[in-house]
Protein backbone atom coordinates (compact mmCIF):
# COMPACT_ATOMS: atom_id res chain seq x y z
CA UNK A 1 0.00 0.00 0.00
CA UNK A 2 2.86 2.37 0.74
CA UNK A 3 4.15 2.06 -2.81
CA UNK A 4 0.72 2.96 -4.22
CA UNK A 5 0.52 6.02 -1.98
CA UNK A 6 3.99 7.06 -3.08
CA UNK A 7 2.94 6.76 -6.72
CA UNK A 8 -0.17 8.83 -5.91
CA UNK A 9 1.93 11.58 -4.34
CA UNK A 10 4.38 11.63 -7.24
CA UNK A 11 1.52 11.72 -9.77
CA UNK A 12 -0.17 14.65 -8.04
CA UNK A 13 3.12 16.54 -7.77
CA UNK A 14 3.74 16.06 -11.47
CA UNK A 15 0.21 17.24 -12.33
CA UNK A 16 0.59 20.38 -10.20
CA UNK A 17 4.06 21.14 -11.63
CA UNK A 18 2.78 20.74 -15.19
CA UNK A 19 -0.22 22.97 -14.43
CA UNK A 20 2.05 25.65 -12.99
CA UNK A 21 4.46 25.51 -15.93
CA UNK A 22 1.69 25.73 -18.51
CA UNK A 23 0.03 28.69 -16.78
CA UNK A 24 3.41 30.37 -16.26
CA UNK A 25 4.39 29.91 -19.90
CA UNK A 26 1.09 31.18 -21.22
CA UNK A 27 1.10 34.14 -18.84
CA UNK A 28 4.60 35.18 -19.88
CA UNK A 29 3.77 34.63 -23.56
CA UNK A 30 0.65 36.78 -23.42
CA UNK A 31 2.42 39.48 -21.41
CA UNK A 32 5.23 39.63 -23.94
CA UNK A 33 2.96 39.64 -26.99
CA UNK A 34 0.60 42.29 -25.64
CA UNK A 35 3.09 44.69 -24.08
CA UNK A 36 6.42 44.05 -25.82
CA UNK A 37 6.21 46.68 -28.52
CA UNK A 38 4.67 49.45 -26.43
CA UNK A 39 6.78 49.57 -23.27
CA UNK A 40 10.34 50.39 -22.31
CA UNK A 41 12.85 47.81 -21.08
CA UNK A 42 12.47 48.85 -17.47
CA UNK A 43 8.72 48.51 -17.52
CA UNK A 44 8.98 45.17 -19.35
CA UNK A 45 10.90 43.74 -16.38
CA UNK A 46 8.18 44.86 -14.01
CA UNK A 47 5.54 43.34 -16.26
CA UNK A 48 7.39 40.03 -16.22
CA UNK A 49 7.27 40.03 -12.43
CA UNK A 50 3.55 40.74 -12.60
CA UNK A 51 3.19 37.86 -15.06
CA UNK A 52 4.33 35.53 -12.25
CA UNK A 53 1.44 36.50 -9.98
CA UNK A 54 -1.42 34.99 -12.00
CA UNK A 55 0.08 31.47 -12.32
CA UNK A 56 0.84 31.42 -8.61
CA UNK A 57 -2.73 32.33 -7.70
CA UNK A 58 -4.17 29.86 -10.22
CA UNK A 59 -1.91 27.08 -8.91
CA UNK A 60 -3.05 27.67 -5.33
CA UNK A 61 -6.67 27.57 -6.46
CA UNK A 62 -5.96 24.41 -8.48
CA UNK A 63 -4.37 22.79 -5.45
CA UNK A 64 -7.27 23.75 -3.23
CA UNK A 65 -10.14 22.88 -5.53
CA UNK A 66 -8.98 20.13 -7.89
CA UNK A 67 -5.93 18.40 -6.46
CA UNK A 68 -7.42 18.12 -2.97
CA UNK A 69 -10.56 16.39 -4.22
CA UNK A 70 -8.56 14.17 -6.56
CA UNK A 71 -6.21 13.17 -3.74
CA UNK A 72 -9.09 12.36 -1.39
CA UNK A 73 -10.86 10.16 -3.93
CA UNK A 74 -7.75 8.32 -5.06
CA UNK A 75 -6.61 7.80 -1.47
CA UNK A 76 -9.93 6.15 -0.60
CA UNK A 77 -9.72 3.93 -3.69
CA UNK A 78 -6.19 2.83 -2.81
CA UNK A 79 -7.15 2.03 0.78
CA UNK A 80 -10.26 0.09 -0.31
CA UNK A 81 -8.31 -1.91 -2.86
CA UNK A 82 -5.61 -2.77 -0.32
CA UNK A 83 -8.23 -3.93 2.23
CA UNK A 84 -9.81 -6.31 -0.30
CA UNK A 85 -6.58 -8.30 -0.63
PDB file of N, CA and C in Angstrom:
ATOM      1  N   UNK A   1       0.820  -1.193   0.000  1.00  0.00           N
ATOM      2  CA  UNK A   1       0.000   0.000   0.000  1.00  0.00           C
ATOM      3  C   UNK A   1       0.862   1.254   0.000  1.00  0.00           C
ATOM      4  N   UNK A   2       1.995   1.183   0.661  1.00  0.00           N
ATOM      5  CA  UNK A   2       2.858   2.367   0.738  1.00  0.00           C
ATOM      6  C   UNK A   2       3.394   2.754  -0.635  1.00  0.00           C
ATOM      7  N   UNK A   3       3.647   1.752  -1.478  1.00  0.00           N
ATOM      8  CA  UNK A   3       4.147   2.063  -2.808  1.00  0.00           C
ATOM      9  C   UNK A   3       3.065   2.721  -3.660  1.00  0.00           C
ATOM     10  N   UNK A   4       1.814   2.329  -3.484  1.00  0.00           N
ATOM     11  CA  UNK A   4       0.721   2.963  -4.218  1.00  0.00           C
ATOM     12  C   UNK A   4       0.522   4.409  -3.766  1.00  0.00           C
ATOM     13  N   UNK A   5       0.652   4.647  -2.468  1.00  0.00           N
ATOM     14  CA  UNK A   5       0.522   6.020  -1.976  1.00  0.00           C
ATOM     15  C   UNK A   5       1.675   6.899  -2.469  1.00  0.00           C
ATOM     16  N   UNK A   6       2.858   6.318  -2.554  1.00  0.00           N
ATOM     17  CA  UNK A   6       3.992   7.064  -3.081  1.00  0.00           C
ATOM     18  C   UNK A   6       3.769   7.432  -4.545  1.00  0.00           C
ATOM     19  N   UNK A   7       3.251   6.481  -5.309  1.00  0.00           N
ATOM     20  CA  UNK A   7       2.944   6.763  -6.715  1.00  0.00           C
ATOM     21  C   UNK A   7       1.872   7.841  -6.821  1.00  0.00           C
ATOM     22  N   UNK A   8       0.883   7.805  -5.937  1.00  0.00           N
ATOM     23  CA  UNK A   8      -0.166   8.831  -5.913  1.00  0.00           C
ATOM     24  C   UNK A   8       0.423  10.203  -5.645  1.00  0.00           C
ATOM     25  N   UNK A   9       1.304  10.291  -4.669  1.00  0.00           N
ATOM     26  CA  UNK A   9       1.928  11.581  -4.338  1.00  0.00           C
ATOM     27  C   UNK A   9       2.770  12.098  -5.499  1.00  0.00           C
ATOM     28  N   UNK A  10       3.538  11.224  -6.116  1.00  0.00           N
ATOM     29  CA  UNK A  10       4.375  11.635  -7.242  1.00  0.00           C
ATOM     30  C   UNK A  10       3.507  12.084  -8.419  1.00  0.00           C
ATOM     31  N   UNK A  11       2.426  11.357  -8.682  1.00  0.00           N
ATOM     32  CA  UNK A  11       1.524  11.722  -9.766  1.00  0.00           C
ATOM     33  C   UNK A  11       0.904  13.093  -9.538  1.00  0.00           C
ATOM     34  N   UNK A  12       0.430  13.342  -8.330  1.00  0.00           N
ATOM     35  CA  UNK A  12      -0.168  14.648  -8.037  1.00  0.00           C
ATOM     36  C   UNK A  12       0.859  15.775  -8.111  1.00  0.00           C
ATOM     37  N   UNK A  13       2.080  15.517  -7.657  1.00  0.00           N
ATOM     38  CA  UNK A  13       3.116  16.544  -7.766  1.00  0.00           C
ATOM     39  C   UNK A  13       3.419  16.860  -9.222  1.00  0.00           C
ATOM     40  N   UNK A  14       3.467  15.833 -10.052  1.00  0.00           N
ATOM     41  CA  UNK A  14       3.739  16.055 -11.474  1.00  0.00           C
ATOM     42  C   UNK A  14       2.600  16.828 -12.141  1.00  0.00           C
ATOM     43  N   UNK A  15       1.352  16.519 -11.777  1.00  0.00           N
ATOM     44  CA  UNK A  15       0.210  17.239 -12.333  1.00  0.00           C
ATOM     45  C   UNK A  15       0.253  18.708 -11.936  1.00  0.00           C
ATOM     46  N   UNK A  16       0.535  18.996 -10.676  1.00  0.00           N
ATOM     47  CA  UNK A  16       0.588  20.377 -10.202  1.00  0.00           C
ATOM     48  C   UNK A  16       1.748  21.130 -10.853  1.00  0.00           C
ATOM     49  N   UNK A  17       2.905  20.486 -10.983  1.00  0.00           N
ATOM     50  CA  UNK A  17       4.055  21.140 -11.626  1.00  0.00           C
ATOM     51  C   UNK A  17       3.745  21.438 -13.087  1.00  0.00           C
ATOM     52  N   UNK A  18       3.129  20.502 -13.789  1.00  0.00           N
ATOM     53  CA  UNK A  18       2.782  20.743 -15.191  1.00  0.00           C
ATOM     54  C   UNK A  18       1.752  21.862 -15.319  1.00  0.00           C
ATOM     55  N   UNK A  19       0.779  21.896 -14.416  1.00  0.00           N
ATOM     56  CA  UNK A  19      -0.216  22.973 -14.435  1.00  0.00           C
ATOM     57  C   UNK A  19       0.456  24.318 -14.230  1.00  0.00           C
ATOM     58  N   UNK A  20       1.364  24.394 -13.254  1.00  0.00           N
ATOM     59  CA  UNK A  20       2.052  25.655 -12.990  1.00  0.00           C
ATOM     60  C   UNK A  20       2.898  26.081 -14.193  1.00  0.00           C
ATOM     61  N   UNK A  21       3.611  25.155 -14.794  1.00  0.00           N
ATOM     62  CA  UNK A  21       4.465  25.505 -15.928  1.00  0.00           C
ATOM     63  C   UNK A  21       3.655  25.957 -17.140  1.00  0.00           C
ATOM     64  N   UNK A  22       2.529  25.317 -17.382  1.00  0.00           N
ATOM     65  CA  UNK A  22       1.687  25.728 -18.508  1.00  0.00           C
ATOM     66  C   UNK A  22       1.098  27.112 -18.265  1.00  0.00           C
ATOM     67  N   UNK A  23       0.587  27.359 -17.063  1.00  0.00           N
ATOM     68  CA  UNK A  23       0.034  28.688 -16.780  1.00  0.00           C
ATOM     69  C   UNK A  23       1.122  29.746 -16.759  1.00  0.00           C
ATOM     70  N   UNK A  24       2.300  29.418 -16.262  1.00  0.00           N
ATOM     71  CA  UNK A  24       3.412  30.367 -16.261  1.00  0.00           C
ATOM     72  C   UNK A  24       3.840  30.702 -17.685  1.00  0.00           C
ATOM     73  N   UNK A  25       3.990  29.683 -18.513  1.00  0.00           N
ATOM     74  CA  UNK A  25       4.394  29.912 -19.895  1.00  0.00           C
ATOM     75  C   UNK A  25       3.382  30.736 -20.666  1.00  0.00           C
ATOM     76  N   UNK A  26       2.105  30.414 -20.491  1.00  0.00           N
ATOM     77  CA  UNK A  26       1.087  31.182 -21.217  1.00  0.00           C
ATOM     78  C   UNK A  26       0.988  32.607 -20.692  1.00  0.00           C
ATOM     79  N   UNK A  27       1.148  32.793 -19.401  1.00  0.00           N
ATOM     80  CA  UNK A  27       1.103  34.139 -18.836  1.00  0.00           C
ATOM     81  C   UNK A  27       2.262  34.991 -19.349  1.00  0.00           C
ATOM     82  N   UNK A  28       3.447  34.441 -19.363  1.00  0.00           N
ATOM     83  CA  UNK A  28       4.602  35.177 -19.877  1.00  0.00           C
ATOM     84  C   UNK A  28       4.448  35.436 -21.370  1.00  0.00           C
ATOM     85  N   UNK A  29       3.972  34.459 -22.114  1.00  0.00           N
ATOM     86  CA  UNK A  29       3.773  34.635 -23.559  1.00  0.00           C
ATOM     87  C   UNK A  29       2.785  35.750 -23.843  1.00  0.00           C
ATOM     88  N   UNK A  30       1.637  35.744 -23.173  1.00  0.00           N
ATOM     89  CA  UNK A  30       0.647  36.784 -23.421  1.00  0.00           C
ATOM     90  C   UNK A  30       1.128  38.151 -22.952  1.00  0.00           C
ATOM     91  N   UNK A  31       1.861  38.202 -21.870  1.00  0.00           N
ATOM     92  CA  UNK A  31       2.417  39.477 -21.412  1.00  0.00           C
ATOM     93  C   UNK A  31       3.405  40.029 -22.429  1.00  0.00           C
ATOM     94  N   UNK A  32       4.246  39.165 -22.954  1.00  0.00           N
ATOM     95  CA  UNK A  32       5.230  39.625 -23.941  1.00  0.00           C
ATOM     96  C   UNK A  32       4.571  40.030 -25.256  1.00  0.00           C
ATOM     97  N   UNK A  33       3.579  39.294 -25.708  1.00  0.00           N
ATOM     98  CA  UNK A  33       2.957  39.641 -26.988  1.00  0.00           C
ATOM     99  C   UNK A  33       2.108  40.895 -26.894  1.00  0.00           C
ATOM    100  N   UNK A  34       1.472  41.119 -25.778  1.00  0.00           N
ATOM    101  CA  UNK A  34       0.603  42.293 -25.641  1.00  0.00           C
ATOM    102  C   UNK A  34       1.407  43.556 -25.393  1.00  0.00           C
ATOM    103  N   UNK A  35       2.406  43.476 -24.509  1.00  0.00           N
ATOM    104  CA  UNK A  35       3.086  44.690 -24.077  1.00  0.00           C
ATOM    105  C   UNK A  35       4.487  44.880 -24.642  1.00  0.00           C
ATOM    106  N   UNK A  36       5.008  43.969 -25.433  1.00  0.00           N
ATOM    107  CA  UNK A  36       6.422  44.051 -25.817  1.00  0.00           C
ATOM    108  C   UNK A  36       6.747  45.241 -26.708  1.00  0.00           C
ATOM    109  N   UNK A  37       5.877  45.594 -27.598  1.00  0.00           N
ATOM    110  CA  UNK A  37       6.212  46.676 -28.523  1.00  0.00           C
ATOM    111  C   UNK A  37       5.892  48.054 -27.970  1.00  0.00           C
ATOM    112  N   UNK A  38       5.129  48.146 -26.923  1.00  0.00           N
ATOM    113  CA  UNK A  38       4.668  49.445 -26.434  1.00  0.00           C
ATOM    114  C   UNK A  38       5.325  49.935 -25.155  1.00  0.00           C
ATOM    115  N   UNK A  39       6.210  49.161 -24.562  1.00  0.00           N
ATOM    116  CA  UNK A  39       6.778  49.566 -23.271  1.00  0.00           C
ATOM    117  C   UNK A  39       8.303  49.604 -23.348  1.00  0.00           C
ATOM    118  N   UNK A  40       8.878  50.303 -22.391  1.00  0.00           N
ATOM    119  CA  UNK A  40      10.339  50.389 -22.308  1.00  0.00           C
ATOM    120  C   UNK A  40      10.887  49.122 -21.648  1.00  0.00           C
ATOM    121  N   UNK A  41      12.203  48.981 -21.661  1.00  0.00           N
ATOM    122  CA  UNK A  41      12.847  47.814 -21.082  1.00  0.00           C
ATOM    123  C   UNK A  41      12.643  47.709 -19.583  1.00  0.00           C
ATOM    124  N   UNK A  42      12.658  48.849 -18.922  1.00  0.00           N
ATOM    125  CA  UNK A  42      12.469  48.852 -17.470  1.00  0.00           C
ATOM    126  C   UNK A  42      11.069  48.388 -17.092  1.00  0.00           C
ATOM    127  N   UNK A  43      10.097  48.878 -17.800  1.00  0.00           N
ATOM    128  CA  UNK A  43       8.717  48.506 -17.521  1.00  0.00           C
ATOM    129  C   UNK A  43       8.453  47.052 -17.920  1.00  0.00           C
ATOM    130  N   UNK A  44       9.149  46.556 -18.929  1.00  0.00           N
ATOM    131  CA  UNK A  44       8.977  45.166 -19.345  1.00  0.00           C
ATOM    132  C   UNK A  44       9.413  44.206 -18.231  1.00  0.00           C
ATOM    133  N   UNK A  45      10.470  44.565 -17.516  1.00  0.00           N
ATOM    134  CA  UNK A  45      10.902  43.744 -16.380  1.00  0.00           C
ATOM    135  C   UNK A  45       9.854  43.692 -15.289  1.00  0.00           C
ATOM    136  N   UNK A  46       9.244  44.828 -15.013  1.00  0.00           N
ATOM    137  CA  UNK A  46       8.179  44.859 -14.008  1.00  0.00           C
ATOM    138  C   UNK A  46       6.963  44.061 -14.462  1.00  0.00           C
ATOM    139  N   UNK A  47       6.664  44.114 -15.749  1.00  0.00           N
ATOM    140  CA  UNK A  47       5.540  43.336 -16.264  1.00  0.00           C
ATOM    141  C   UNK A  47       5.804  41.840 -16.177  1.00  0.00           C
ATOM    142  N   UNK A  48       7.053  41.453 -16.344  1.00  0.00           N
ATOM    143  CA  UNK A  48       7.390  40.032 -16.221  1.00  0.00           C
ATOM    144  C   UNK A  48       7.194  39.547 -14.789  1.00  0.00           C
ATOM    145  N   UNK A  49       7.508  40.393 -13.829  1.00  0.00           N
ATOM    146  CA  UNK A  49       7.272  40.032 -12.428  1.00  0.00           C
ATOM    147  C   UNK A  49       5.774  39.918 -12.172  1.00  0.00           C
ATOM    148  N   UNK A  50       5.001  40.823 -12.746  1.00  0.00           N
ATOM    149  CA  UNK A  50       3.550  40.745 -12.598  1.00  0.00           C
ATOM    150  C   UNK A  50       2.978  39.516 -13.300  1.00  0.00           C
ATOM    151  N   UNK A  51       3.652  39.060 -14.349  1.00  0.00           N
ATOM    152  CA  UNK A  51       3.194  37.859 -15.057  1.00  0.00           C
ATOM    153  C   UNK A  51       3.342  36.614 -14.193  1.00  0.00           C
ATOM    154  N   UNK A  52       4.160  36.676 -13.154  1.00  0.00           N
ATOM    155  CA  UNK A  52       4.327  35.533 -12.254  1.00  0.00           C
ATOM    156  C   UNK A  52       3.204  35.422 -11.229  1.00  0.00           C
ATOM    157  N   UNK A  53       2.470  36.494 -11.022  1.00  0.00           N
ATOM    158  CA  UNK A  53       1.438  36.504  -9.982  1.00  0.00           C
ATOM    159  C   UNK A  53       0.250  35.621 -10.362  1.00  0.00           C
ATOM    160  N   UNK A  54      -0.238  35.755 -11.583  1.00  0.00           N
ATOM    161  CA  UNK A  54      -1.418  34.992 -11.996  1.00  0.00           C
ATOM    162  C   UNK A  54      -1.209  33.482 -11.925  1.00  0.00           C
ATOM    163  N   UNK A  55      -0.088  32.930 -12.443  1.00  0.00           N
ATOM    164  CA  UNK A  55       0.084  31.475 -12.317  1.00  0.00           C
ATOM    165  C   UNK A  55       0.169  30.998 -10.873  1.00  0.00           C
ATOM    166  N   UNK A  56       0.751  31.824 -10.017  1.00  0.00           N
ATOM    167  CA  UNK A  56       0.837  31.425  -8.606  1.00  0.00           C
ATOM    168  C   UNK A  56      -0.545  31.345  -7.979  1.00  0.00           C
ATOM    169  N   UNK A  57      -1.379  32.328  -8.250  1.00  0.00           N
ATOM    170  CA  UNK A  57      -2.735  32.328  -7.701  1.00  0.00           C
ATOM    171  C   UNK A  57      -3.540  31.171  -8.277  1.00  0.00           C
ATOM    172  N   UNK A  58      -3.430  30.957  -9.590  1.00  0.00           N
ATOM    173  CA  UNK A  58      -4.172  29.861 -10.218  1.00  0.00           C
ATOM    174  C   UNK A  58      -3.711  28.500  -9.708  1.00  0.00           C
ATOM    175  N   UNK A  59      -2.415  28.357  -9.429  1.00  0.00           N
ATOM    176  CA  UNK A  59      -1.908  27.083  -8.911  1.00  0.00           C
ATOM    177  C   UNK A  59      -2.428  26.815  -7.500  1.00  0.00           C
ATOM    178  N   UNK A  60      -2.490  27.840  -6.681  1.00  0.00           N
ATOM    179  CA  UNK A  60      -3.045  27.670  -5.326  1.00  0.00           C
ATOM    180  C   UNK A  60      -4.516  27.282  -5.409  1.00  0.00           C
ATOM    181  N   UNK A  61      -5.266  27.937  -6.290  1.00  0.00           N
ATOM    182  CA  UNK A  61      -6.674  27.569  -6.458  1.00  0.00           C
ATOM    183  C   UNK A  61      -6.814  26.142  -7.002  1.00  0.00           C
ATOM    184  N   UNK A  62      -5.945  25.772  -7.937  1.00  0.00           N
ATOM    185  CA  UNK A  62      -5.955  24.412  -8.483  1.00  0.00           C
ATOM    186  C   UNK A  62      -5.666  23.396  -7.387  1.00  0.00           C
ATOM    187  N   UNK A  63      -4.686  23.690  -6.545  1.00  0.00           N
ATOM    188  CA  UNK A  63      -4.368  22.785  -5.446  1.00  0.00           C
ATOM    189  C   UNK A  63      -5.547  22.649  -4.490  1.00  0.00           C
ATOM    190  N   UNK A  64      -6.175  23.757  -4.197  1.00  0.00           N
ATOM    191  CA  UNK A  64      -7.265  23.750  -3.226  1.00  0.00           C
ATOM    192  C   UNK A  64      -8.510  23.062  -3.771  1.00  0.00           C
ATOM    193  N   UNK A  65      -8.879  23.376  -4.985  1.00  0.00           N
ATOM    194  CA  UNK A  65     -10.145  22.877  -5.534  1.00  0.00           C
ATOM    195  C   UNK A  65     -10.008  21.501  -6.182  1.00  0.00           C
ATOM    196  N   UNK A  66      -9.045  21.337  -7.065  1.00  0.00           N
ATOM    197  CA  UNK A  66      -8.984  20.133  -7.889  1.00  0.00           C
ATOM    198  C   UNK A  66      -8.105  19.057  -7.262  1.00  0.00           C
ATOM    199  N   UNK A  67      -6.878  19.399  -6.951  1.00  0.00           N
ATOM    200  CA  UNK A  67      -5.927  18.396  -6.464  1.00  0.00           C
ATOM    201  C   UNK A  67      -6.359  17.819  -5.114  1.00  0.00           C
ATOM    202  N   UNK A  68      -6.953  18.626  -4.266  1.00  0.00           N
ATOM    203  CA  UNK A  68      -7.417  18.124  -2.972  1.00  0.00           C
ATOM    204  C   UNK A  68      -8.507  17.072  -3.119  1.00  0.00           C
ATOM    205  N   UNK A  69      -9.478  17.359  -3.985  1.00  0.00           N
ATOM    206  CA  UNK A  69     -10.558  16.394  -4.217  1.00  0.00           C
ATOM    207  C   UNK A  69     -10.034  15.141  -4.895  1.00  0.00           C
ATOM    208  N   UNK A  70      -9.141  15.316  -5.865  1.00  0.00           N
ATOM    209  CA  UNK A  70      -8.561  14.174  -6.557  1.00  0.00           C
ATOM    210  C   UNK A  70      -7.769  13.296  -5.595  1.00  0.00           C
ATOM    211  N   UNK A  71      -6.995  13.928  -4.722  1.00  0.00           N
ATOM    212  CA  UNK A  71      -6.213  13.172  -3.743  1.00  0.00           C
ATOM    213  C   UNK A  71      -7.128  12.392  -2.807  1.00  0.00           C
ATOM    214  N   UNK A  72      -8.177  13.029  -2.314  1.00  0.00           N
ATOM    215  CA  UNK A  72      -9.090  12.355  -1.390  1.00  0.00           C
ATOM    216  C   UNK A  72      -9.733  11.131  -2.034  1.00  0.00           C
ATOM    217  N   UNK A  73     -10.192  11.286  -3.265  1.00  0.00           N
ATOM    218  CA  UNK A  73     -10.861  10.160  -3.935  1.00  0.00           C
ATOM    219  C   UNK A  73      -9.890   9.031  -4.235  1.00  0.00           C
ATOM    220  N   UNK A  74      -8.716   9.363  -4.742  1.00  0.00           N
ATOM    221  CA  UNK A  74      -7.746   8.316  -5.058  1.00  0.00           C
ATOM    222  C   UNK A  74      -7.218   7.631  -3.807  1.00  0.00           C
ATOM    223  N   UNK A  75      -7.068   8.382  -2.730  1.00  0.00           N
ATOM    224  CA  UNK A  75      -6.609   7.802  -1.469  1.00  0.00           C
ATOM    225  C   UNK A  75      -7.610   6.777  -0.957  1.00  0.00           C
ATOM    226  N   UNK A  76      -8.893   7.084  -1.043  1.00  0.00           N
ATOM    227  CA  UNK A  76      -9.929   6.151  -0.602  1.00  0.00           C
ATOM    228  C   UNK A  76      -9.919   4.900  -1.480  1.00  0.00           C
ATOM    229  N   UNK A  77      -9.753   5.072  -2.782  1.00  0.00           N
ATOM    230  CA  UNK A  77      -9.721   3.926  -3.693  1.00  0.00           C
ATOM    231  C   UNK A  77      -8.528   3.034  -3.385  1.00  0.00           C
ATOM    232  N   UNK A  78      -7.380   3.617  -3.122  1.00  0.00           N
ATOM    233  CA  UNK A  78      -6.187   2.828  -2.808  1.00  0.00           C
ATOM    234  C   UNK A  78      -6.370   2.064  -1.504  1.00  0.00           C
ATOM    235  N   UNK A  79      -6.938   2.698  -0.523  1.00  0.00           N
ATOM    236  CA  UNK A  79      -7.149   2.029   0.780  1.00  0.00           C
ATOM    237  C   UNK A  79      -8.171   0.899   0.625  1.00  0.00           C
ATOM    238  N   UNK A  80      -9.255   1.144  -0.110  1.00  0.00           N
ATOM    239  CA  UNK A  80     -10.257   0.094  -0.305  1.00  0.00           C
ATOM    240  C   UNK A  80      -9.678  -1.093  -1.071  1.00  0.00           C
ATOM    241  N   UNK A  81      -8.872  -0.810  -2.084  1.00  0.00           N
ATOM    242  CA  UNK A  81      -8.311  -1.910  -2.863  1.00  0.00           C
ATOM    243  C   UNK A  81      -7.282  -2.699  -2.053  1.00  0.00           C
ATOM    244  N   UNK A  82      -6.589  -2.038  -1.133  1.00  0.00           N
ATOM    245  CA  UNK A  82      -5.609  -2.775  -0.316  1.00  0.00           C
ATOM    246  C   UNK A  82      -6.315  -3.591   0.780  1.00  0.00           C
ATOM    247  N   UNK A  83      -7.489  -3.173   1.213  1.00  0.00           N
ATOM    248  CA  UNK A  83      -8.226  -3.934   2.230  1.00  0.00           C
ATOM    249  C   UNK A  83      -8.880  -5.172   1.639  1.00  0.00           C
ATOM    250  N   UNK A  84      -9.164  -5.158   0.350  1.00  0.00           N
ATOM    251  CA  UNK A  84      -9.805  -6.308  -0.298  1.00  0.00           C
ATOM    252  C   UNK A  84      -8.846  -7.488  -0.423  1.00  0.00           C
ATOM    253  N   UNK A  85      -7.560  -7.227  -0.442  1.00  0.00           N
ATOM    254  CA  UNK A  85      -6.575  -8.295  -0.632  1.00  0.00           C
ATOM    255  C   UNK A  85      -6.345  -9.068   0.610  1.00  0.00           C
TER     256      UNK A  85
END
